[in-house]
Amino acid sequence: MIKHLAVLIAFLMTFSAPVMAQDFQKGLAAYNTDDYATALQEWTPLAEAGDAAAQWALGAMYDNGDGLSQDYAEAMKWFRLAAEQGSASAQSNLGFMYEGGRGVLQDNATAHMWYNIGAANGNELGGTARDKIAKKMTTAAIEKAQAMARECMNSGYTKCEY
């Protein structure tokens, strides 16, 4: 599933940043052939330079332990950086991290918030996950999560309660 999202992100990047997209594409091609060392080598400088797609990709690599030690805290770092730039995939991934308590304390309200934000920005998985987790939550907790999502989005992702 994550590999499919990486393909979509790579496609979208080709329209906005051709040079960075070429480097991202090199990393993606390497990732898709399980050459994780090359993917990491290509994506790390892009992520450090603020490229949201590369930040999301590094987050996914750390989350999955692809070619490196699985490190949820590092995954959270990269997902947050990408999410703050409006990456719907990263926003939904933050929801998964909070729902599972991976790298953070488990928190259904914060998970719902991030799923909701990801869904609002076009990530279908975020919407599906939001609806699923809502079945485990009280009405008050859902209302809290929705208020958190509004505040986060209205602040340009600077007040996101994480």
N, C-alpha and C. Protein backbone atom coordinates (compact mmCIF):
# COMPACT_ATOMS: atom_id res chain seq x y z
N MET A 1 0.83 -1.18 0.00
CA MET A 1 0.00 0.00 0.00
C MET A 1 0.87 1.25 0.00
N ILE A 2 1.92 1.28 0.84
CA ILE A 2 2.78 2.45 0.92
C ILE A 2 3.51 2.66 -0.40
N LYS A 3 3.93 1.57 -1.06
CA LYS A 3 4.62 1.70 -2.33
C LYS A 3 3.72 2.36 -3.38
N HIS A 4 2.42 2.04 -3.35
CA HIS A 4 1.49 2.65 -4.30
C HIS A 4 1.36 4.15 -4.06
N LEU A 5 1.34 4.54 -2.80
CA LEU A 5 1.27 5.96 -2.47
C LEU A 5 2.53 6.68 -2.92
N ALA A 6 3.67 6.02 -2.80
CA ALA A 6 4.92 6.64 -3.23
C ALA A 6 4.91 6.88 -4.73
N VAL A 7 4.32 5.97 -5.49
CA VAL A 7 4.22 6.15 -6.94
C VAL A 7 3.37 7.37 -7.25
N LEU A 8 2.24 7.52 -6.56
CA LEU A 8 1.36 8.67 -6.78
C LEU A 8 2.08 9.97 -6.44
N ILE A 9 2.77 9.99 -5.32
CA ILE A 9 3.49 11.21 -4.93
C ILE A 9 4.56 11.55 -5.96
N ALA A 10 5.27 10.54 -6.42
CA ALA A 10 6.32 10.78 -7.41
C ALA A 10 5.72 11.37 -8.69
N PHE A 11 4.58 10.87 -9.10
CA PHE A 11 3.92 11.38 -10.30
C PHE A 11 3.55 12.85 -10.13
N LEU A 12 2.97 13.18 -8.98
CA LEU A 12 2.56 14.56 -8.73
C LEU A 12 3.75 15.51 -8.65
N MET A 13 4.86 15.02 -8.14
CA MET A 13 6.05 15.86 -8.03
C MET A 13 6.62 16.26 -9.39
N THR A 14 6.42 15.45 -10.39
CA THR A 14 7.02 15.73 -11.68
C THR A 14 6.51 17.03 -12.28
N PHE A 15 5.36 17.49 -11.84
CA PHE A 15 4.81 18.73 -12.38
C PHE A 15 5.36 19.98 -11.70
N SER A 16 5.81 19.86 -10.45
CA SER A 16 6.18 21.05 -9.71
C SER A 16 7.67 21.27 -9.53
N ALA A 17 8.45 20.22 -9.55
CA ALA A 17 9.88 20.39 -9.29
C ALA A 17 10.67 19.35 -10.08
N PRO A 18 10.94 19.61 -11.36
CA PRO A 18 11.57 18.61 -12.21
C PRO A 18 12.90 18.08 -11.70
N VAL A 19 13.78 18.93 -11.20
CA VAL A 19 15.08 18.43 -10.74
C VAL A 19 14.92 17.57 -9.50
N MET A 20 14.17 18.07 -8.52
CA MET A 20 13.95 17.28 -7.32
C MET A 20 13.19 16.01 -7.66
N ALA A 21 12.26 16.10 -8.59
CA ALA A 21 11.49 14.92 -8.99
C ALA A 21 12.40 13.87 -9.59
N GLN A 22 13.41 14.30 -10.36
CA GLN A 22 14.34 13.33 -10.94
C GLN A 22 15.05 12.58 -9.83
N ASP A 23 15.54 13.29 -8.81
CA ASP A 23 16.21 12.64 -7.70
C ASP A 23 15.22 11.77 -6.92
N PHE A 24 14.00 12.26 -6.74
CA PHE A 24 13.00 11.46 -6.07
C PHE A 24 12.72 10.20 -6.87
N GLN A 25 12.64 10.35 -8.18
CA GLN A 25 12.39 9.20 -9.06
C GLN A 25 13.50 8.17 -8.94
N LYS A 26 14.75 8.62 -8.84
CA LYS A 26 15.86 7.68 -8.66
C LYS A 26 15.67 6.90 -7.36
N GLY A 27 15.30 7.60 -6.32
CA GLY A 27 15.05 6.94 -5.04
C GLY A 27 13.88 5.99 -5.12
N LEU A 28 12.84 6.39 -5.82
CA LEU A 28 11.66 5.54 -5.97
C LEU A 28 11.98 4.28 -6.76
N ALA A 29 12.73 4.45 -7.85
CA ALA A 29 13.12 3.28 -8.64
C ALA A 29 13.94 2.32 -7.79
N ALA A 30 14.84 2.86 -7.00
CA ALA A 30 15.65 2.02 -6.11
C ALA A 30 14.77 1.34 -5.06
N TYR A 31 13.87 2.09 -4.46
CA TYR A 31 12.98 1.54 -3.44
C TYR A 31 12.16 0.39 -4.00
N ASN A 32 11.63 0.58 -5.20
CA ASN A 32 10.77 -0.43 -5.81
C ASN A 32 11.52 -1.70 -6.18
N THR A 33 12.85 -1.66 -6.20
CA THR A 33 13.65 -2.87 -6.45
C THR A 33 14.33 -3.33 -5.16
N ASP A 34 13.83 -2.83 -4.03
CA ASP A 34 14.35 -3.18 -2.70
C ASP A 34 15.79 -2.74 -2.48
N ASP A 35 16.25 -1.74 -3.25
CA ASP A 35 17.57 -1.16 -3.04
C ASP A 35 17.39 0.02 -2.09
N TYR A 36 17.17 -0.30 -0.82
CA TYR A 36 16.83 0.71 0.16
C TYR A 36 17.98 1.67 0.46
N ALA A 37 19.21 1.19 0.35
CA ALA A 37 20.36 2.07 0.61
C ALA A 37 20.39 3.22 -0.39
N THR A 38 20.13 2.92 -1.67
CA THR A 38 20.11 3.98 -2.68
C THR A 38 18.92 4.90 -2.48
N ALA A 39 17.77 4.33 -2.15
CA ALA A 39 16.58 5.16 -1.90
C ALA A 39 16.86 6.12 -0.76
N LEU A 40 17.46 5.62 0.30
CA LEU A 40 17.80 6.47 1.44
C LEU A 40 18.80 7.55 1.04
N GLN A 41 19.76 7.18 0.23
CA GLN A 41 20.78 8.13 -0.23
C GLN A 41 20.15 9.24 -1.09
N GLU A 42 19.20 8.89 -1.91
CA GLU A 42 18.53 9.89 -2.78
C GLU A 42 17.56 10.75 -2.00
N TRP A 43 16.80 10.14 -1.11
CA TRP A 43 15.72 10.86 -0.45
C TRP A 43 16.17 11.70 0.73
N THR A 44 17.21 11.30 1.44
CA THR A 44 17.61 12.04 2.64
C THR A 44 17.95 13.50 2.36
N PRO A 45 18.79 13.81 1.35
CA PRO A 45 19.07 15.23 1.10
C PRO A 45 17.83 16.01 0.69
N LEU A 46 16.95 15.38 -0.07
CA LEU A 46 15.71 16.05 -0.46
C LEU A 46 14.84 16.33 0.76
N ALA A 47 14.72 15.33 1.64
CA ALA A 47 13.91 15.50 2.85
C ALA A 47 14.49 16.59 3.73
N GLU A 48 15.80 16.58 3.88
CA GLU A 48 16.44 17.61 4.72
C GLU A 48 16.29 19.00 4.13
N ALA A 49 16.13 19.08 2.80
CA ALA A 49 15.93 20.36 2.13
C ALA A 49 14.46 20.80 2.15
N GLY A 50 13.60 19.97 2.74
CA GLY A 50 12.20 20.36 2.90
C GLY A 50 11.24 19.77 1.90
N ASP A 51 11.66 18.79 1.12
CA ASP A 51 10.77 18.16 0.15
C ASP A 51 9.79 17.23 0.87
N ALA A 52 8.50 17.55 0.80
CA ALA A 52 7.49 16.81 1.56
C ALA A 52 7.37 15.36 1.10
N ALA A 53 7.47 15.10 -0.18
CA ALA A 53 7.35 13.72 -0.66
C ALA A 53 8.51 12.87 -0.15
N ALA A 54 9.70 13.42 -0.15
CA ALA A 54 10.86 12.69 0.36
C ALA A 54 10.75 12.51 1.87
N GLN A 55 10.22 13.51 2.56
CA GLN A 55 10.02 13.38 4.00
C GLN A 55 9.03 12.25 4.30
N TRP A 56 7.95 12.22 3.54
CA TRP A 56 6.97 11.14 3.72
C TRP A 56 7.61 9.79 3.43
N ALA A 57 8.39 9.70 2.35
CA ALA A 57 9.02 8.44 1.98
C ALA A 57 9.98 7.96 3.07
N LEU A 58 10.77 8.88 3.63
CA LEU A 58 11.67 8.49 4.72
C LEU A 58 10.87 8.03 5.94
N GLY A 59 9.78 8.73 6.21
CA GLY A 59 8.92 8.30 7.32
C GLY A 59 8.43 6.88 7.12
N ALA A 60 8.04 6.57 5.90
CA ALA A 60 7.56 5.21 5.60
C ALA A 60 8.68 4.19 5.74
N MET A 61 9.89 4.54 5.30
CA MET A 61 11.01 3.62 5.43
C MET A 61 11.31 3.32 6.90
N TYR A 62 11.32 4.36 7.73
CA TYR A 62 11.57 4.15 9.16
C TYR A 62 10.41 3.42 9.83
N ASP A 63 9.20 3.71 9.42
CA ASP A 63 8.03 3.04 9.99
C ASP A 63 8.07 1.54 9.68
N ASN A 64 8.44 1.20 8.47
CA ASN A 64 8.45 -0.20 8.03
C ASN A 64 9.76 -0.91 8.33
N GLY A 65 10.82 -0.17 8.62
CA GLY A 65 12.13 -0.78 8.78
C GLY A 65 12.70 -1.25 7.46
N ASP A 66 12.44 -0.51 6.40
CA ASP A 66 12.93 -0.87 5.06
C ASP A 66 14.39 -0.49 4.91
N GLY A 67 15.28 -1.47 5.02
CA GLY A 67 16.70 -1.24 4.80
C GLY A 67 17.42 -0.56 5.95
N LEU A 68 16.73 -0.33 7.04
CA LEU A 68 17.33 0.28 8.21
C LEU A 68 16.57 -0.19 9.43
N SER A 69 17.07 0.11 10.58
CA SER A 69 16.36 -0.30 11.80
C SER A 69 15.04 0.43 11.90
N GLN A 70 13.99 -0.32 12.20
CA GLN A 70 12.68 0.30 12.39
C GLN A 70 12.78 1.29 13.54
N ASP A 71 12.31 2.51 13.30
CA ASP A 71 12.45 3.57 14.30
C ASP A 71 11.21 4.46 14.22
N TYR A 72 10.25 4.19 15.09
CA TYR A 72 8.99 4.92 15.04
C TYR A 72 9.17 6.40 15.35
N ALA A 73 10.08 6.74 16.24
CA ALA A 73 10.30 8.15 16.56
C ALA A 73 10.82 8.89 15.33
N GLU A 74 11.71 8.27 14.59
CA GLU A 74 12.24 8.89 13.37
C GLU A 74 11.15 8.96 12.30
N ALA A 75 10.32 7.93 12.22
CA ALA A 75 9.19 7.95 11.28
C ALA A 75 8.26 9.12 11.61
N MET A 76 7.96 9.29 12.90
CA MET A 76 7.10 10.40 13.31
C MET A 76 7.70 11.74 12.91
N LYS A 77 9.00 11.88 13.09
CA LYS A 77 9.67 13.14 12.74
C LYS A 77 9.42 13.49 11.27
N TRP A 78 9.66 12.53 10.39
CA TRP A 78 9.52 12.81 8.95
C TRP A 78 8.07 12.96 8.54
N PHE A 79 7.17 12.14 9.10
CA PHE A 79 5.75 12.31 8.80
C PHE A 79 5.25 13.69 9.24
N ARG A 80 5.68 14.14 10.42
CA ARG A 80 5.25 15.45 10.90
C ARG A 80 5.71 16.57 9.98
N LEU A 81 6.98 16.51 9.57
CA LEU A 81 7.50 17.55 8.68
C LEU A 81 6.71 17.60 7.37
N ALA A 82 6.40 16.45 6.82
CA ALA A 82 5.62 16.41 5.58
C ALA A 82 4.18 16.84 5.82
N ALA A 83 3.60 16.41 6.94
CA ALA A 83 2.22 16.77 7.27
C ALA A 83 2.06 18.27 7.43
N GLU A 84 3.05 18.91 8.03
CA GLU A 84 2.99 20.36 8.23
C GLU A 84 3.03 21.13 6.92
N GLN A 85 3.46 20.46 5.85
CA GLN A 85 3.46 21.08 4.53
C GLN A 85 2.20 20.71 3.74
N GLY A 86 1.29 19.99 4.37
CA GLY A 86 0.03 19.66 3.72
C GLY A 86 0.00 18.31 3.03
N SER A 87 0.97 17.44 3.26
CA SER A 87 0.97 16.12 2.65
C SER A 87 -0.14 15.27 3.26
N ALA A 88 -1.16 14.99 2.46
CA ALA A 88 -2.30 14.20 2.94
C ALA A 88 -1.87 12.80 3.33
N SER A 89 -0.94 12.22 2.60
CA SER A 89 -0.46 10.87 2.94
C SER A 89 0.23 10.89 4.30
N ALA A 90 1.08 11.87 4.53
CA ALA A 90 1.77 11.97 5.82
C ALA A 90 0.78 12.23 6.94
N GLN A 91 -0.22 13.04 6.68
CA GLN A 91 -1.23 13.32 7.70
C GLN A 91 -1.95 12.05 8.10
N SER A 92 -2.34 11.26 7.12
CA SER A 92 -3.00 9.99 7.42
C SER A 92 -2.05 9.03 8.13
N ASN A 93 -0.79 9.03 7.72
CA ASN A 93 0.18 8.17 8.39
C ASN A 93 0.33 8.56 9.86
N LEU A 94 0.28 9.84 10.16
CA LEU A 94 0.32 10.25 11.57
C LEU A 94 -0.87 9.66 12.32
N GLY A 95 -2.02 9.60 11.67
CA GLY A 95 -3.17 8.95 12.28
C GLY A 95 -2.88 7.50 12.63
N PHE A 96 -2.27 6.77 11.71
CA PHE A 96 -1.93 5.37 11.97
C PHE A 96 -0.94 5.24 13.13
N MET A 97 0.01 6.18 13.18
CA MET A 97 1.00 6.14 14.25
C MET A 97 0.33 6.36 15.61
N TYR A 98 -0.57 7.35 15.69
CA TYR A 98 -1.26 7.61 16.95
C TYR A 98 -2.23 6.49 17.30
N GLU A 99 -2.90 5.94 16.32
CA GLU A 99 -3.84 4.86 16.61
C GLU A 99 -3.11 3.64 17.17
N GLY A 100 -1.95 3.34 16.62
CA GLY A 100 -1.20 2.18 17.06
C GLY A 100 -0.23 2.44 18.19
N GLY A 101 -0.06 3.69 18.59
CA GLY A 101 0.90 4.02 19.64
C GLY A 101 2.32 3.75 19.20
N ARG A 102 2.60 4.03 17.93
CA ARG A 102 3.93 3.77 17.38
C ARG A 102 4.73 5.08 17.39
N GLY A 103 5.68 5.18 18.32
CA GLY A 103 6.49 6.38 18.44
C GLY A 103 5.86 7.48 19.26
N VAL A 104 4.63 7.27 19.68
CA VAL A 104 3.88 8.23 20.49
C VAL A 104 2.95 7.43 21.41
N LEU A 105 2.38 8.12 22.39
CA LEU A 105 1.35 7.47 23.20
C LEU A 105 0.13 7.23 22.33
N GLN A 106 -0.51 6.10 22.49
CA GLN A 106 -1.71 5.78 21.73
C GLN A 106 -2.79 6.80 22.08
N ASP A 107 -3.44 7.35 21.06
CA ASP A 107 -4.42 8.41 21.28
C ASP A 107 -5.42 8.40 20.12
N ASN A 108 -6.61 7.87 20.37
CA ASN A 108 -7.61 7.78 19.31
C ASN A 108 -8.08 9.15 18.83
N ALA A 109 -8.18 10.12 19.73
CA ALA A 109 -8.65 11.44 19.32
C ALA A 109 -7.65 12.10 18.37
N THR A 110 -6.37 12.00 18.68
CA THR A 110 -5.35 12.58 17.81
C THR A 110 -5.27 11.79 16.50
N ALA A 111 -5.43 10.47 16.59
CA ALA A 111 -5.46 9.66 15.37
C ALA A 111 -6.62 10.11 14.48
N HIS A 112 -7.79 10.26 15.07
CA HIS A 112 -8.97 10.71 14.31
C HIS A 112 -8.71 12.06 13.68
N MET A 113 -8.10 12.97 14.46
CA MET A 113 -7.78 14.31 13.95
C MET A 113 -6.94 14.21 12.68
N TRP A 114 -5.84 13.43 12.75
CA TRP A 114 -4.94 13.33 11.58
C TRP A 114 -5.60 12.61 10.42
N TYR A 115 -6.39 11.57 10.71
CA TYR A 115 -7.12 10.90 9.63
C TYR A 115 -8.07 11.88 8.95
N ASN A 116 -8.75 12.67 9.76
CA ASN A 116 -9.71 13.65 9.25
C ASN A 116 -9.01 14.69 8.37
N ILE A 117 -7.86 15.16 8.81
CA ILE A 117 -7.11 16.15 8.04
C ILE A 117 -6.62 15.53 6.73
N GLY A 118 -6.07 14.32 6.81
CA GLY A 118 -5.63 13.63 5.59
C GLY A 118 -6.77 13.45 4.61
N ALA A 119 -7.93 13.05 5.13
CA ALA A 119 -9.10 12.86 4.27
C ALA A 119 -9.54 14.18 3.65
N ALA A 120 -9.54 15.24 4.44
CA ALA A 120 -9.93 16.56 3.92
C ALA A 120 -9.00 17.01 2.81
N ASN A 121 -7.76 16.54 2.85
CA ASN A 121 -6.78 16.91 1.83
C ASN A 121 -6.68 15.88 0.71
N GLY A 122 -7.62 14.94 0.68
CA GLY A 122 -7.71 14.03 -0.46
C GLY A 122 -7.21 12.62 -0.27
N ASN A 123 -6.82 12.23 0.93
CA ASN A 123 -6.34 10.87 1.15
C ASN A 123 -7.51 9.97 1.54
N GLU A 124 -7.89 9.08 0.65
CA GLU A 124 -9.04 8.21 0.90
C GLU A 124 -8.83 7.28 2.09
N LEU A 125 -7.60 6.79 2.25
CA LEU A 125 -7.32 5.90 3.38
C LEU A 125 -7.56 6.62 4.70
N GLY A 126 -7.26 7.90 4.73
CA GLY A 126 -7.52 8.67 5.94
C GLY A 126 -9.00 8.69 6.28
N GLY A 127 -9.84 8.86 5.27
CA GLY A 127 -11.28 8.87 5.50
C GLY A 127 -11.80 7.53 5.98
N THR A 128 -11.31 6.47 5.37
CA THR A 128 -11.72 5.13 5.78
C THR A 128 -11.28 4.84 7.21
N ALA A 129 -10.04 5.18 7.53
CA ALA A 129 -9.52 4.94 8.88
C ALA A 129 -10.24 5.80 9.91
N ARG A 130 -10.54 7.05 9.53
CA ARG A 130 -11.28 7.95 10.44
C ARG A 130 -12.63 7.34 10.79
N ASP A 131 -13.34 6.86 9.78
CA ASP A 131 -14.67 6.30 10.02
C ASP A 131 -14.59 5.03 10.87
N LYS A 132 -13.54 4.25 10.67
CA LYS A 132 -13.36 3.01 11.44
C LYS A 132 -13.05 3.31 12.91
N ILE A 133 -12.13 4.25 13.14
CA ILE A 133 -11.76 4.55 14.53
C ILE A 133 -12.90 5.26 15.26
N ALA A 134 -13.72 5.99 14.53
CA ALA A 134 -14.84 6.71 15.16
C ALA A 134 -15.80 5.73 15.84
N LYS A 135 -15.88 4.51 15.32
CA LYS A 135 -16.77 3.51 15.92
C LYS A 135 -16.31 3.09 17.31
N LYS A 136 -15.04 3.36 17.64
CA LYS A 136 -14.48 3.02 18.96
C LYS A 136 -14.51 4.20 19.92
N MET A 137 -15.00 5.35 19.44
CA MET A 137 -14.90 6.59 20.21
C MET A 137 -16.28 7.06 20.67
N THR A 138 -16.28 7.83 21.76
CA THR A 138 -17.51 8.46 22.22
C THR A 138 -17.80 9.68 21.34
N THR A 139 -19.01 10.14 21.41
CA THR A 139 -19.39 11.35 20.67
C THR A 139 -18.54 12.53 21.12
N ALA A 140 -18.29 12.64 22.41
CA ALA A 140 -17.47 13.75 22.93
C ALA A 140 -16.04 13.67 22.40
N ALA A 141 -15.49 12.47 22.33
CA ALA A 141 -14.12 12.32 21.82
C ALA A 141 -14.04 12.67 20.34
N ILE A 142 -15.07 12.32 19.58
CA ILE A 142 -15.11 12.66 18.16
C ILE A 142 -15.20 14.17 17.99
N GLU A 143 -16.05 14.81 18.79
CA GLU A 143 -16.18 16.26 18.73
C GLU A 143 -14.85 16.94 19.06
N LYS A 144 -14.15 16.41 20.06
CA LYS A 144 -12.84 16.95 20.42
C LYS A 144 -11.88 16.80 19.25
N ALA A 145 -11.86 15.64 18.63
CA ALA A 145 -10.96 15.38 17.49
C ALA A 145 -11.28 16.31 16.33
N GLN A 146 -12.55 16.54 16.09
CA GLN A 146 -12.95 17.44 14.99
C GLN A 146 -12.53 18.88 15.28
N ALA A 147 -12.66 19.30 16.52
CA ALA A 147 -12.23 20.65 16.90
C ALA A 147 -10.71 20.78 16.75
N MET A 148 -9.99 19.72 17.15
CA MET A 148 -8.53 19.73 17.00
C MET A 148 -8.15 19.82 15.52
N ALA A 149 -8.86 19.10 14.68
CA ALA A 149 -8.57 19.13 13.24
C ALA A 149 -8.81 20.52 12.66
N ARG A 150 -9.91 21.15 13.07
CA ARG A 150 -10.19 22.51 12.60
C ARG A 150 -9.09 23.47 13.02
N GLU A 151 -8.69 23.40 14.29
CA GLU A 151 -7.64 24.29 14.78
C GLU A 151 -6.33 24.05 14.03
N CYS A 152 -6.00 22.80 13.83
CA CYS A 152 -4.76 22.45 13.13
C CYS A 152 -4.77 23.01 11.71
N MET A 153 -5.85 22.76 11.00
CA MET A 153 -5.92 23.22 9.61
C MET A 153 -5.98 24.74 9.53
N ASN A 154 -6.74 25.37 10.41
CA ASN A 154 -6.87 26.82 10.39
C ASN A 154 -5.56 27.53 10.75
N SER A 155 -4.70 26.83 11.48
CA SER A 155 -3.42 27.42 11.87
C SER A 155 -2.32 27.16 10.85
N GLY A 156 -2.67 26.51 9.74
CA GLY A 156 -1.64 26.15 8.76
C GLY A 156 -0.73 25.06 9.29
N TYR A 157 -1.30 24.18 10.10
CA TYR A 157 -0.61 23.02 10.66
C TYR A 157 0.42 23.38 11.73
N THR A 158 0.23 24.51 12.40
CA THR A 158 1.18 24.87 13.46
C THR A 158 0.62 24.57 14.85
N LYS A 159 -0.70 24.39 14.97
CA LYS A 159 -1.32 24.09 16.26
C LYS A 159 -2.08 22.77 16.13
N CYS A 160 -1.32 21.68 16.18
CA CYS A 160 -1.90 20.39 15.89
C CYS A 160 -1.90 19.42 17.07
N GLU A 161 -1.65 19.92 18.27
CA GLU A 161 -1.81 19.14 19.49
C GLU A 161 -1.00 17.86 19.52
N TYR A 162 0.17 17.82 18.92
CA TYR A 162 0.95 16.58 19.04
C TYR A 162 2.20 16.77 19.82
